[in-house]
Amino acid sequence: MIAMQYSFPLPADYDMTIIDRRIAEKGHLLDNFPNLKLKAYLTARSGDGTQSRENLYAPFYLWNHEDGLNDFLTGEGFAALTRSFGWPVVRTWFIWKAHLSPDVAQATFVTREMRVTAAHSALGELRQRESEEVFDDVQNGRALASISAFEPASWTRVRLQLWGEPRPLMPGPGVQAYRVGHISLPKQD
């Protein structure tokens, strides 16, 4: 699996209902997209409880296979998005652990924490600890989904958690919260 996120910072006076409307009209288009495990359509508004300093549209994807990521990025949907909002930096991370509850589609709030991995860290131990925490987050009912992933070029890790309601945030560098506009998932059998 691989995680992916891009973000469009929008002006302070941008009418975010344009993004809300776009999500409402187009969000369903990625339901059942090949190789997509989850897409969370995420927004943050300056001053809305997400601790965001700016207005953002920042979808997050969890792909079962990189073919899905490649098909999406080379497809017309992404091309149309870039014509509307510009050419984003697309961040990717290799999944260490992803655990989704059956109720993940009920998520309304997301927290994302970016962490730097110190040089010469015991990566095996770190991966094990992260994997256990992700599993516990969902099994103990604290989150509807929890994802831990890393990117070895910049040695960053990401922890993304989906919640049924807004959560108090621990302020700090690399912490961002979002509202969920829609969740795209594969067809449930």
C-alpha atoms as a PDB file:
ATOM      1  CA  MET A   1       0.000   0.000   0.000  1.00  0.00           C
ATOM      2  CA  ILE A   2       0.979   3.604  -0.531  1.00  0.00           C
ATOM      3  CA  ALA A   3      -0.432   6.865   0.853  1.00  0.00           C
ATOM      4  CA  MET A   4      -0.656  10.093  -1.104  1.00  0.00           C
ATOM      5  CA  GLN A   5      -1.646  13.663  -0.326  1.00  0.00           C
ATOM      6  CA  TYR A   6      -1.506  16.973  -2.119  1.00  0.00           C
ATOM      7  CA  SER A   7      -2.671  20.300  -0.801  1.00  0.00           C
ATOM      8  CA  PHE A   8      -3.963  23.486  -2.370  1.00  0.00           C
ATOM      9  CA  PRO A   9      -3.527  26.521  -0.116  1.00  0.00           C
ATOM     10  CA  LEU A  10      -6.292  28.988  -0.912  1.00  0.00           C
ATOM     11  CA  PRO A  11      -6.497  32.743  -0.222  1.00  0.00           C
ATOM     12  CA  ALA A  12      -7.845  33.903   3.141  1.00  0.00           C
ATOM     13  CA  ASP A  13     -10.901  35.408   1.447  1.00  0.00           C
ATOM     14  CA  TYR A  14     -11.551  32.364  -0.763  1.00  0.00           C
ATOM     15  CA  ASP A  15     -15.162  31.189  -0.676  1.00  0.00           C
ATOM     16  CA  MET A  16     -14.688  27.670   0.688  1.00  0.00           C
ATOM     17  CA  THR A  17     -18.272  26.770  -0.240  1.00  0.00           C
ATOM     18  CA  ILE A  18     -16.856  26.401  -3.773  1.00  0.00           C
ATOM     19  CA  ILE A  19     -14.720  23.507  -2.497  1.00  0.00           C
ATOM     20  CA  ASP A  20     -17.625  22.075  -0.488  1.00  0.00           C
ATOM     21  CA  ARG A  21     -19.810  22.154  -3.602  1.00  0.00           C
ATOM     22  CA  ARG A  22     -17.058  20.557  -5.715  1.00  0.00           C
ATOM     23  CA  ILE A  23     -16.726  17.713  -3.185  1.00  0.00           C
ATOM     24  CA  ALA A  24     -20.513  17.228  -3.057  1.00  0.00           C
ATOM     25  CA  GLU A  25     -20.751  17.099  -6.853  1.00  0.00           C
ATOM     26  CA  LYS A  26     -17.623  15.108  -7.675  1.00  0.00           C
ATOM     27  CA  GLY A  27     -16.723  13.148  -4.526  1.00  0.00           C
ATOM     28  CA  HIS A  28     -18.635  10.061  -5.568  1.00  0.00           C
ATOM     29  CA  LEU A  29     -16.593   9.800  -8.799  1.00  0.00           C
ATOM     30  CA  LEU A  30     -13.777   8.007  -6.958  1.00  0.00           C
ATOM     31  CA  ASP A  31     -16.068   5.577  -5.130  1.00  0.00           C
ATOM     32  CA  ASN A  32     -14.934   2.129  -6.324  1.00  0.00           C
ATOM     33  CA  PHE A  33     -11.877   3.553  -8.170  1.00  0.00           C
ATOM     34  CA  PRO A  34      -9.520   0.660  -9.027  1.00  0.00           C
ATOM     35  CA  ASN A  35      -6.864   0.009  -6.366  1.00  0.00           C
ATOM     36  CA  LEU A  36      -8.207   2.761  -4.069  1.00  0.00           C
ATOM     37  CA  LYS A  37      -8.648   1.682  -0.472  1.00  0.00           C
ATOM     38  CA  LEU A  38      -9.720   5.116   0.809  1.00  0.00           C
ATOM     39  CA  LYS A  39      -9.890   8.731  -0.302  1.00  0.00           C
ATOM     40  CA  ALA A  40     -10.720  11.372   2.276  1.00  0.00           C
ATOM     41  CA  TYR A  41     -11.759  14.704   0.754  1.00  0.00           C
ATOM     42  CA  LEU A  42     -10.264  17.096   3.302  1.00  0.00           C
ATOM     43  CA  THR A  43     -10.607  20.827   3.905  1.00  0.00           C
ATOM     44  CA  ALA A  44      -9.362  23.214   6.542  1.00  0.00           C
ATOM     45  CA  ARG A  45     -10.468  26.762   7.111  1.00  0.00           C
ATOM     46  CA  SER A  46      -8.484  29.359   8.934  1.00  0.00           C
ATOM     47  CA  GLY A  47     -10.074  29.818  12.352  1.00  0.00           C
ATOM     48  CA  ASP A  48     -12.535  26.901  12.241  1.00  0.00           C
ATOM     49  CA  GLY A  49     -11.060  24.718  14.979  1.00  0.00           C
ATOM     50  CA  THR A  50      -8.609  22.891  12.704  1.00  0.00           C
ATOM     51  CA  GLN A  51      -5.707  25.083  13.867  1.00  0.00           C
ATOM     52  CA  SER A  52      -5.075  25.895  10.236  1.00  0.00           C
ATOM     53  CA  ARG A  53      -3.396  29.157   9.406  1.00  0.00           C
ATOM     54  CA  GLU A  54      -4.808  29.017   5.891  1.00  0.00           C
ATOM     55  CA  ASN A  55      -7.686  27.675   3.862  1.00  0.00           C
ATOM     56  CA  LEU A  56      -6.782  24.285   2.390  1.00  0.00           C
ATOM     57  CA  TYR A  57      -8.136  21.642   0.079  1.00  0.00           C
ATOM     58  CA  ALA A  58      -5.970  18.605   0.826  1.00  0.00           C
ATOM     59  CA  PRO A  59      -7.310  15.161  -0.189  1.00  0.00           C
ATOM     60  CA  PHE A  60      -5.615  12.104   1.305  1.00  0.00           C
ATOM     61  CA  TYR A  61      -5.495   8.748  -0.503  1.00  0.00           C
ATOM     62  CA  LEU A  62      -4.684   5.221   0.583  1.00  0.00           C
ATOM     63  CA  TRP A  63      -3.892   3.031  -2.427  1.00  0.00           C
ATOM     64  CA  ASN A  64      -3.822  -0.763  -2.394  1.00  0.00           C
ATOM     65  CA  HIS A  65      -1.292  -0.677  -5.228  1.00  0.00           C
ATOM     66  CA  GLU A  66       0.739   1.997  -6.994  1.00  0.00           C
ATOM     67  CA  ASP A  67      -1.133   1.263 -10.241  1.00  0.00           C
ATOM     68  CA  GLY A  68      -4.148   3.062  -8.776  1.00  0.00           C
ATOM     69  CA  LEU A  69      -2.032   6.081  -7.873  1.00  0.00           C
ATOM     70  CA  ASN A  70      -0.513   6.145 -11.372  1.00  0.00           C
ATOM     71  CA  ASP A  71      -3.889   5.717 -13.081  1.00  0.00           C
ATOM     72  CA  PHE A  72      -5.335   8.566 -11.046  1.00  0.00           C
ATOM     73  CA  LEU A  73      -2.440  11.004 -11.540  1.00  0.00           C
ATOM     74  CA  THR A  74      -2.324  10.363 -15.293  1.00  0.00           C
ATOM     75  CA  GLY A  75      -6.102  10.511 -15.705  1.00  0.00           C
ATOM     76  CA  GLU A  76      -8.466  13.259 -16.778  1.00  0.00           C
ATOM     77  CA  GLY A  77      -9.820  13.835 -13.248  1.00  0.00           C
ATOM     78  CA  PHE A  78      -6.439  14.932 -11.916  1.00  0.00           C
ATOM     79  CA  ALA A  79      -5.755  16.957 -15.080  1.00  0.00           C
ATOM     80  CA  ALA A  80      -9.033  18.832 -14.568  1.00  0.00           C
ATOM     81  CA  LEU A  81      -8.159  19.444 -10.911  1.00  0.00           C
ATOM     82  CA  THR A  82      -4.780  20.943 -11.847  1.00  0.00           C
ATOM     83  CA  ARG A  83      -6.407  23.185 -14.444  1.00  0.00           C
ATOM     84  CA  SER A  84      -8.688  24.543 -11.709  1.00  0.00           C
ATOM     85  CA  PHE A  85      -6.236  24.834  -8.801  1.00  0.00           C
ATOM     86  CA  GLY A  86      -2.673  24.596 -10.121  1.00  0.00           C
ATOM     87  CA  TRP A  87       0.114  22.012 -10.121  1.00  0.00           C
ATOM     88  CA  PRO A  88       0.551  20.615  -6.590  1.00  0.00           C
ATOM     89  CA  VAL A  89       3.402  18.824  -4.913  1.00  0.00           C
ATOM     90  CA  VAL A  90       2.175  15.247  -4.462  1.00  0.00           C
ATOM     91  CA  ARG A  91       3.584  13.630  -1.325  1.00  0.00           C
ATOM     92  CA  THR A  92       3.727   9.850  -1.031  1.00  0.00           C
ATOM     93  CA  TRP A  93       4.551   7.529   1.844  1.00  0.00           C
ATOM     94  CA  PHE A  94       5.005   3.770   2.113  1.00  0.00           C
ATOM     95  CA  ILE A  95       2.467   2.254   4.485  1.00  0.00           C
ATOM     96  CA  TRP A  96       3.703   0.733   7.690  1.00  0.00           C
ATOM     97  CA  LYS A  97       0.216  -0.037   8.971  1.00  0.00           C
ATOM     98  CA  ALA A  98      -3.304   0.966   8.021  1.00  0.00           C
ATOM     99  CA  HIS A  99      -6.288  -0.110  10.061  1.00  0.00           C
ATOM    100  CA  LEU A 100      -9.804   0.932   9.050  1.00  0.00           C
ATOM    101  CA  SER A 101     -12.933   0.181  11.006  1.00  0.00           C
ATOM    102  CA  PRO A 102     -16.100  -0.853   9.157  1.00  0.00           C
ATOM    103  CA  ASP A 103     -17.518   2.571  10.144  1.00  0.00           C
ATOM    104  CA  VAL A 104     -14.763   4.641   8.494  1.00  0.00           C
ATOM    105  CA  ALA A 105     -17.283   6.248   6.096  1.00  0.00           C
ATOM    106  CA  GLN A 106     -18.780   8.009   9.149  1.00  0.00           C
ATOM    107  CA  ALA A 107     -15.608  10.084   9.667  1.00  0.00           C
ATOM    108  CA  THR A 108     -16.115  13.841   9.917  1.00  0.00           C
ATOM    109  CA  PHE A 109     -12.720  14.970  11.197  1.00  0.00           C
ATOM    110  CA  VAL A 110      -9.097  14.019  10.460  1.00  0.00           C
ATOM    111  CA  THR A 111      -5.850  14.678  12.265  1.00  0.00           C
ATOM    112  CA  ARG A 112      -2.517  14.401  10.515  1.00  0.00           C
ATOM    113  CA  GLU A 113       0.801  14.478  12.292  1.00  0.00           C
ATOM    114  CA  MET A 114       4.032  14.738  10.365  1.00  0.00           C
ATOM    115  CA  ARG A 115       7.121  13.531  12.209  1.00  0.00           C
ATOM    116  CA  VAL A 116      10.807  13.561  11.365  1.00  0.00           C
ATOM    117  CA  THR A 117      12.677  10.294  11.879  1.00  0.00           C
ATOM    118  CA  ALA A 118      16.030  10.870  13.560  1.00  0.00           C
ATOM    119  CA  ALA A 119      19.126   9.592  11.794  1.00  0.00           C
ATOM    120  CA  HIS A 120      20.181   6.094  12.821  1.00  0.00           C
ATOM    121  CA  SER A 121      16.828   5.333  14.435  1.00  0.00           C
ATOM    122  CA  ALA A 122      16.016   1.684  15.050  1.00  0.00           C
ATOM    123  CA  LEU A 123      13.561   1.561  12.149  1.00  0.00           C
ATOM    124  CA  GLY A 124      12.333  -1.964  12.838  1.00  0.00           C
ATOM    125  CA  GLU A 125      11.415  -1.069  16.408  1.00  0.00           C
ATOM    126  CA  LEU A 126       9.850   2.208  15.290  1.00  0.00           C
ATOM    127  CA  ARG A 127       7.765   0.430  12.658  1.00  0.00           C
ATOM    128  CA  GLN A 128       6.601  -2.165  15.181  1.00  0.00           C
ATOM    129  CA  ARG A 129       5.611   0.486  17.728  1.00  0.00           C
ATOM    130  CA  GLU A 130       3.788   2.554  15.087  1.00  0.00           C
ATOM    131  CA  SER A 131       1.947  -0.538  13.827  1.00  0.00           C
ATOM    132  CA  GLU A 132       0.822  -1.481  17.332  1.00  0.00           C
ATOM    133  CA  GLU A 133      -0.393   2.060  18.046  1.00  0.00           C
ATOM    134  CA  VAL A 134      -2.359   2.201  14.779  1.00  0.00           C
ATOM    135  CA  PHE A 135      -4.059  -1.104  15.551  1.00  0.00           C
ATOM    136  CA  ASP A 136      -4.834  -0.024  19.134  1.00  0.00           C
ATOM    137  CA  ASP A 137      -6.250   3.340  17.999  1.00  0.00           C
ATOM    138  CA  VAL A 138      -9.007   1.584  16.055  1.00  0.00           C
ATOM    139  CA  GLN A 139      -9.484  -1.577  18.122  1.00  0.00           C
ATOM    140  CA  ASN A 140     -10.020   0.457  21.285  1.00  0.00           C
ATOM    141  CA  GLY A 141     -12.597   2.638  19.558  1.00  0.00           C
ATOM    142  CA  ARG A 142     -10.574   5.807  19.705  1.00  0.00           C
ATOM    143  CA  ALA A 143     -10.444   6.294  15.909  1.00  0.00           C
ATOM    144  CA  LEU A 144     -12.420   5.112  12.875  1.00  0.00           C
ATOM    145  CA  ALA A 145      -9.147   4.628  10.997  1.00  0.00           C
ATOM    146  CA  SER A 146      -5.464   5.069  11.677  1.00  0.00           C
ATOM    147  CA  ILE A 147      -2.637   5.037   9.150  1.00  0.00           C
ATOM    148  CA  SER A 148       1.100   5.121   9.738  1.00  0.00           C
ATOM    149  CA  ALA A 149       3.496   5.555   6.846  1.00  0.00           C
ATOM    150  CA  PHE A 150       7.000   6.765   6.070  1.00  0.00           C
ATOM    151  CA  GLU A 151       9.015   8.337   3.295  1.00  0.00           C
ATOM    152  CA  PRO A 152      12.755   7.558   3.332  1.00  0.00           C
ATOM    153  CA  ALA A 153      14.043  10.389   1.085  1.00  0.00           C
ATOM    154  CA  SER A 154      13.236  13.039   3.709  1.00  0.00           C
ATOM    155  CA  TRP A 155      12.821  10.534   6.573  1.00  0.00           C
ATOM    156  CA  THR A 156       9.352  11.774   7.398  1.00  0.00           C
ATOM    157  CA  ARG A 157       6.531   9.786   8.888  1.00  0.00           C
ATOM    158  CA  VAL A 158       2.854  10.544   8.770  1.00  0.00           C
ATOM    159  CA  ARG A 159       0.119   9.433  11.157  1.00  0.00           C
ATOM    160  CA  LEU A 160      -3.366  10.056   9.845  1.00  0.00           C
ATOM    161  CA  GLN A 161      -6.391   9.364  12.006  1.00  0.00           C
ATOM    162  CA  LEU A 162     -10.052   9.613  11.035  1.00  0.00           C
ATOM    163  CA  TRP A 163     -12.582  10.475  13.732  1.00  0.00           C
ATOM    164  CA  GLY A 164     -16.354  10.573  14.042  1.00  0.00           C
ATOM    165  CA  GLU A 165     -16.251  14.021  15.638  1.00  0.00           C
ATOM    166  CA  PRO A 166     -13.767  16.878  16.114  1.00  0.00           C
ATOM    167  CA  ARG A 167     -10.905  16.179  18.487  1.00  0.00           C
ATOM    168  CA  PRO A 168      -8.902  18.511  20.679  1.00  0.00           C
ATOM    169  CA  LEU A 169      -5.496  18.978  19.094  1.00  0.00           C
ATOM    170  CA  MET A 170      -2.098  19.016  20.683  1.00  0.00           C
ATOM    171  CA  PRO A 171      -0.527  22.079  19.090  1.00  0.00           C
ATOM    172  CA  GLY A 172       2.856  21.570  17.565  1.00  0.00           C
ATOM    173  CA  PRO A 173       4.831  21.533  14.374  1.00  0.00           C
ATOM    174  CA  GLY A 174       3.516  19.128  11.799  1.00  0.00           C
ATOM    175  CA  VAL A 175       0.022  18.840  13.322  1.00  0.00           C
ATOM    176  CA  GLN A 176      -2.916  19.629  11.047  1.00  0.00           C
ATOM    177  CA  ALA A 177      -6.615  18.891  11.343  1.00  0.00           C
ATOM    178  CA  TYR A 178      -9.182  18.759   8.571  1.00  0.00           C
ATOM    179  CA  ARG A 179     -12.919  18.465   8.061  1.00  0.00           C
ATOM    180  CA  VAL A 180     -14.085  15.542   5.934  1.00  0.00           C
ATOM    181  CA  GLY A 181     -16.312  16.350   2.975  1.00  0.00           C
ATOM    182  CA  HIS A 182     -16.626  12.806   1.605  1.00  0.00           C
ATOM    183  CA  ILE A 183     -15.008   9.388   1.947  1.00  0.00           C
ATOM    184  CA  SER A 184     -14.539   7.263  -1.174  1.00  0.00           C
ATOM    185  CA  LEU A 185     -14.185   3.527  -0.583  1.00  0.00           C
ATOM    186  CA  PRO A 186     -14.288   0.346  -2.620  1.00  0.00           C
ATOM    187  CA  LYS A 187     -17.549  -1.526  -2.930  1.00  0.00           C
ATOM    188  CA  GLN A 188     -18.290  -3.508   0.227  1.00  0.00           C
ATOM    189  CA  ASP A 189     -19.143  -7.168  -0.406  1.00  0.00           C
END
